[in-house]
Every structure is written in C-alpha cells, then in structure tokens.
C-alpha cells in the first residue's frame, strides 16, 4: 500500500512544531547498541544482520524508492537489530521549503517503521541556522540519536555549520547518547565531549578497508 503523498505513513501519529513533524518515540539510553552500521543499499551483502543497524547516509538517489514503497522493505529490515531513520538531504543552498519537506519525510518514515515494530533511532540532520526552526521537531529530548559527519566537515565553512548545528542539537534535545557515523575530529567534536556521550561508527568505506563490513570477515 502506498500513495504519492505518503499519508498512510503517519496514520495515528502525533505532530510537533509549526510544520507538524510526526513525533518519533524516544530510544532509552540503555538500549543495546549495534556492532556496526550498514548502508541501506548494502543490506543484502550482510551475513550478520542481527548485530547491525541499517542507515541511509548516502546520496538520496540510492533510497528514493523507500519514500513511496517503504512497506516493501519492512520484512527485510526486520532481520536487522534496527534502523536509523532516513537521511534526506538538507543542503544549505536548497530552498527552505524542500528542507522542511525532507525533514518531514525522514520523520514520517521513521514513525512508520516504529509503528511496524522496528527499533528506529532518529537521525538528526540540519542545514544552516534557518533549519533550526524545524529540524529538531518531532524528536523527544534526552533520547538516543544518530548523526553523520561523513562528507560534512571537509571545508572550514562546512565545519562551522556542522559545529553550530551540533551545538543547537545538544541545547535543544539534551541527548543522552549520539551515534556518530563517520570521523570524529577533535576540532569538530572536542568541545562537546563533556555534554553528552558519543559513540562512533565507521563509514562503509572505513569498514571495507578494515575488513569489518558485517560479513564476519
């Protein structure tokens, strides 16, 4: 079952904020952590599904079908320990309307997956300061969240926006634990390490280089 607007995804949901983002259930800080994070488009290559979480930290084109036909993947995803809610792009040069829409899509699919009984850790993604007005809506405070630094801190400007967004996230959500997909450079995360607990997970490229890609290698 699906429709072009995805209205069925949020059946029974509560909504939060000016733009009515679907509310995701909080994840307790003492929840079991996965051994690794695996990209959605690599899920079929994993032989140790019960110890991994699926993530969407990749170009949107690789999971565009998940928005309209996410129900087709539910049983596949049940085999994993859990899922991080989809990471639709929030580029700073995107029209703000599209950034709001992509945040909504992430929350809607996250809610739908939770409603289907999957363990879903909310992904948090921001753009520039304008996005702070909506990018944290629908997320409970003092929970477990996931973010990605992969490809987001290459330049001085990118690091500046990432650090400002991370500071805003910590102030708004007061996270108990933050899973970090990608590198954790001290110049980015150093000032926040006393504010919350960070758990780093390597990117897929790192995992392949290290021979730890969820296949028991």
Protein backbone atom coordinates (compact mmCIF):
# COMPACT_ATOMS: atom_id res chain seq x y z
CA UNK A 1 0.00 0.00 0.00
CA UNK A 2 1.29 3.49 -0.84
CA UNK A 3 0.22 6.87 -2.18
CA UNK A 4 2.17 9.72 -3.73
CA UNK A 5 1.92 11.88 -0.62
CA UNK A 6 2.74 9.08 1.82
CA UNK A 7 -0.23 9.97 4.04
CA UNK A 8 -0.57 6.35 5.17
CA UNK A 9 2.89 6.56 6.74
CA UNK A 10 1.68 8.86 9.52
CA UNK A 11 -1.65 7.22 10.31
CA UNK A 12 -2.19 7.60 14.05
CA UNK A 13 0.84 9.86 14.54
CA UNK A 14 1.10 12.91 16.78
CA UNK A 15 2.65 16.04 15.30
CA UNK A 16 5.03 18.66 16.63
CA UNK A 17 6.05 22.19 15.75
CA UNK A 18 4.93 24.83 13.28
CA UNK A 19 5.31 22.43 10.36
CA UNK A 20 3.69 19.48 12.14
CA UNK A 21 6.51 16.95 12.05
CA UNK A 22 5.48 13.41 13.01
CA UNK A 23 6.66 12.56 16.52
CA UNK A 24 9.07 9.65 16.96
CA UNK A 25 9.16 7.58 20.12
CA UNK A 26 12.30 8.11 22.24
CA UNK A 27 15.02 5.47 22.47
CA UNK A 28 16.23 4.71 26.02
CA UNK A 29 19.91 5.42 26.64
CA UNK A 30 20.42 1.88 27.95
CA UNK A 31 19.20 0.28 24.71
CA UNK A 32 21.52 -2.30 23.19
CA UNK A 33 23.94 -0.79 20.71
CA UNK A 34 24.66 -2.39 17.35
CA UNK A 35 28.08 -3.72 16.49
CA UNK A 36 28.05 -1.81 13.20
CA UNK A 37 26.00 0.42 10.90
CA UNK A 38 25.29 -0.74 7.35
CA UNK A 39 24.14 1.34 4.34
CA UNK A 40 20.66 0.58 3.06
CA UNK A 41 21.96 -0.23 -0.41
CA UNK A 42 24.43 -2.78 1.03
CA UNK A 43 21.90 -4.60 3.21
CA UNK A 44 21.84 -7.75 1.06
CA UNK A 45 25.60 -8.17 1.47
CA UNK A 46 25.39 -8.58 5.24
CA UNK A 47 25.61 -12.01 6.89
CA UNK A 48 25.34 -10.77 10.48
CA UNK A 49 22.12 -8.79 10.35
CA UNK A 50 21.08 -9.27 13.97
CA UNK A 51 24.05 -7.24 15.20
CA UNK A 52 23.75 -4.30 12.79
CA UNK A 53 21.59 -1.25 12.14
CA UNK A 54 20.70 -0.09 8.65
CA UNK A 55 21.36 3.56 7.83
CA UNK A 56 20.68 5.95 4.92
CA UNK A 57 23.83 8.04 4.96
CA UNK A 58 24.27 8.09 1.20
CA UNK A 59 23.09 10.02 -1.82
CA UNK A 60 19.29 10.25 -1.81
CA UNK A 61 19.11 8.56 -5.21
CA UNK A 62 20.09 5.25 -3.61
CA UNK A 63 16.97 5.13 -1.46
CA UNK A 64 14.47 7.28 -3.36
CA UNK A 65 12.19 4.25 -3.76
CA UNK A 66 11.98 3.94 0.02
CA UNK A 67 9.76 7.03 0.26
CA UNK A 68 6.97 5.66 -1.94
CA UNK A 69 7.43 1.94 -1.38
CA UNK A 70 8.94 1.63 2.07
CA UNK A 71 6.41 -1.04 3.02
CA UNK A 72 8.10 -3.42 0.59
CA UNK A 73 11.27 -3.42 2.70
CA UNK A 74 9.78 -3.98 6.15
CA UNK A 75 10.40 -7.72 6.31
CA UNK A 76 13.96 -7.30 5.06
CA UNK A 77 14.65 -4.70 7.70
CA UNK A 78 13.14 -6.82 10.48
CA UNK A 79 16.14 -9.12 10.17
CA UNK A 80 18.40 -6.34 11.47
CA UNK A 81 18.74 -5.10 15.04
CA UNK A 82 17.23 -1.81 13.94
CA UNK A 83 17.21 1.12 11.56
CA UNK A 84 18.31 4.76 11.65
CA UNK A 85 15.57 6.93 10.19
CA UNK A 86 16.25 8.08 6.60
CA UNK A 87 18.69 10.91 5.98
CA UNK A 88 17.17 13.04 3.25
CA UNK A 89 19.42 15.90 2.17
CA UNK A 90 19.32 19.33 3.78
CA UNK A 91 21.81 21.22 1.64
CA UNK A 92 22.20 24.84 2.66
CA UNK A 93 21.55 26.06 -0.88
CA UNK A 94 18.29 24.11 -1.17
CA UNK A 95 15.06 26.12 -0.98
CA UNK A 96 13.88 26.08 2.61
CA UNK A 97 10.60 24.51 1.51
CA UNK A 98 12.49 21.42 0.29
CA UNK A 99 14.47 21.25 3.52
CA UNK A 100 11.23 21.24 5.51
CA UNK A 101 9.78 18.58 3.20
CA UNK A 102 12.86 16.37 3.52
CA UNK A 103 12.77 16.67 7.31
CA UNK A 104 9.11 15.68 7.23
CA UNK A 105 9.89 12.66 5.03
CA UNK A 106 12.53 11.47 7.48
CA UNK A 107 10.12 11.75 10.42
CA UNK A 108 7.23 10.16 8.51
CA UNK A 109 9.26 7.10 7.52
CA UNK A 110 10.79 6.88 10.98
CA UNK A 111 7.34 6.90 12.53
CA UNK A 112 6.09 4.30 10.05
CA UNK A 113 9.00 1.96 10.78
CA UNK A 114 8.44 2.34 14.52
CA UNK A 115 4.72 1.69 14.01
CA UNK A 116 5.68 -1.54 12.23
CA UNK A 117 7.56 -2.67 15.33
CA UNK A 118 11.13 -1.92 14.24
CA UNK A 119 13.68 -0.33 16.55
CA UNK A 120 14.31 3.10 14.98
CA UNK A 121 16.95 5.53 16.19
CA UNK A 122 16.09 9.05 14.95
CA UNK A 123 18.50 10.63 12.53
CA UNK A 124 19.18 14.33 13.06
CA UNK A 125 20.18 16.47 10.09
CA UNK A 126 20.44 20.25 9.85
CA UNK A 127 21.45 22.81 7.23
CA UNK A 128 22.23 26.37 8.30
CA UNK A 129 20.65 28.35 11.13
CA UNK A 130 17.34 28.62 9.28
CA UNK A 131 16.77 24.89 9.61
CA UNK A 132 16.90 25.01 13.41
CA UNK A 133 13.29 26.19 13.33
CA UNK A 134 12.14 22.72 12.25
CA UNK A 135 14.96 20.16 12.04
CA UNK A 136 14.61 19.10 15.70
CA UNK A 137 10.81 18.95 15.73
CA UNK A 138 9.23 15.56 16.30
CA UNK A 139 12.19 14.37 18.39
CA UNK A 140 11.91 13.67 22.09
CA UNK A 141 14.51 15.17 24.42
CA UNK A 142 17.01 13.07 26.37
CA UNK A 143 16.98 10.19 23.90
CA UNK A 144 19.45 8.41 21.63
CA UNK A 145 20.04 9.96 18.22
CA UNK A 146 22.23 9.37 15.18
CA UNK A 147 24.12 11.90 13.08
CA UNK A 148 26.68 11.64 10.28
CA UNK A 149 29.85 13.64 9.84
CA UNK A 150 30.78 11.76 6.67
CA UNK A 151 31.41 14.29 3.91
CA UNK A 152 30.14 17.15 6.08
CA UNK A 153 33.31 18.65 7.55
CA UNK A 154 35.75 18.85 4.65
CA UNK A 155 35.98 22.64 4.45
CA UNK A 156 36.21 25.35 7.08
CA UNK A 157 32.73 26.58 6.18
CA UNK A 158 31.25 23.06 6.38
CA UNK A 159 32.86 22.51 9.77
CA UNK A 160 31.50 25.84 11.02
CA UNK A 161 27.93 24.95 10.06
CA UNK A 162 28.29 21.42 11.43
CA UNK A 163 29.60 22.64 14.79
CA UNK A 164 26.85 25.26 15.08
CA UNK A 165 24.19 22.69 14.26
CA UNK A 166 25.59 20.19 16.72
CA UNK A 167 25.58 22.84 19.44
CA UNK A 168 21.95 23.68 18.64
CA UNK A 169 21.03 20.00 18.69
CA UNK A 170 22.60 19.44 22.10
CA UNK A 171 20.94 22.55 23.53
CA UNK A 172 17.51 21.66 22.13
CA UNK A 173 17.42 17.86 22.56
CA UNK A 174 19.78 17.28 25.52
CA UNK A 175 20.78 13.87 24.10
CA UNK A 176 21.80 11.01 26.34
CA UNK A 177 23.80 9.36 23.56
CA UNK A 178 24.68 10.35 19.99
CA UNK A 179 25.78 7.75 17.46
CA UNK A 180 28.22 9.30 15.01
CA UNK A 181 28.56 7.79 11.55
CA UNK A 182 31.97 8.84 10.22
CA UNK A 183 35.04 10.53 11.65
CA UNK A 184 35.06 12.33 14.99
CA UNK A 185 37.73 15.01 14.64
CA UNK A 186 38.59 16.84 17.85
CA UNK A 187 38.31 20.21 16.08
CA UNK A 188 34.65 19.38 15.48
CA UNK A 189 33.57 17.30 18.48
CA UNK A 190 36.13 18.28 21.09
CA UNK A 191 34.10 20.98 22.81
CA UNK A 192 31.03 18.74 23.09
CA UNK A 193 32.54 15.59 24.59
CA UNK A 194 31.54 16.57 28.12
CA UNK A 195 27.99 17.49 27.05
CA UNK A 196 26.86 14.01 26.01
CA UNK A 197 28.08 10.52 25.20
CA UNK A 198 29.25 9.95 21.63
CA UNK A 199 29.57 6.50 20.06
CA UNK A 200 31.48 6.47 16.77
CA UNK A 201 30.70 4.09 13.94
CA UNK A 202 32.91 3.89 10.84
CA UNK A 203 31.55 4.60 7.40
CA UNK A 204 31.14 1.81 4.85
CA UNK A 205 34.44 2.74 3.19
CA UNK A 206 36.23 2.51 6.52
CA UNK A 207 34.60 -0.84 7.25
CA UNK A 208 35.64 -2.30 3.90
CA UNK A 209 39.23 -1.14 4.42
CA UNK A 210 39.24 -2.67 7.89
CA UNK A 211 37.56 -5.89 6.76
CA UNK A 212 34.65 -5.43 9.19
CA UNK A 213 31.69 -4.98 6.86
CA UNK A 214 29.20 -7.15 8.72
CA UNK A 215 30.10 -10.34 6.89
CA UNK A 216 32.13 -11.88 9.64
CA UNK A 217 35.39 -11.09 7.82
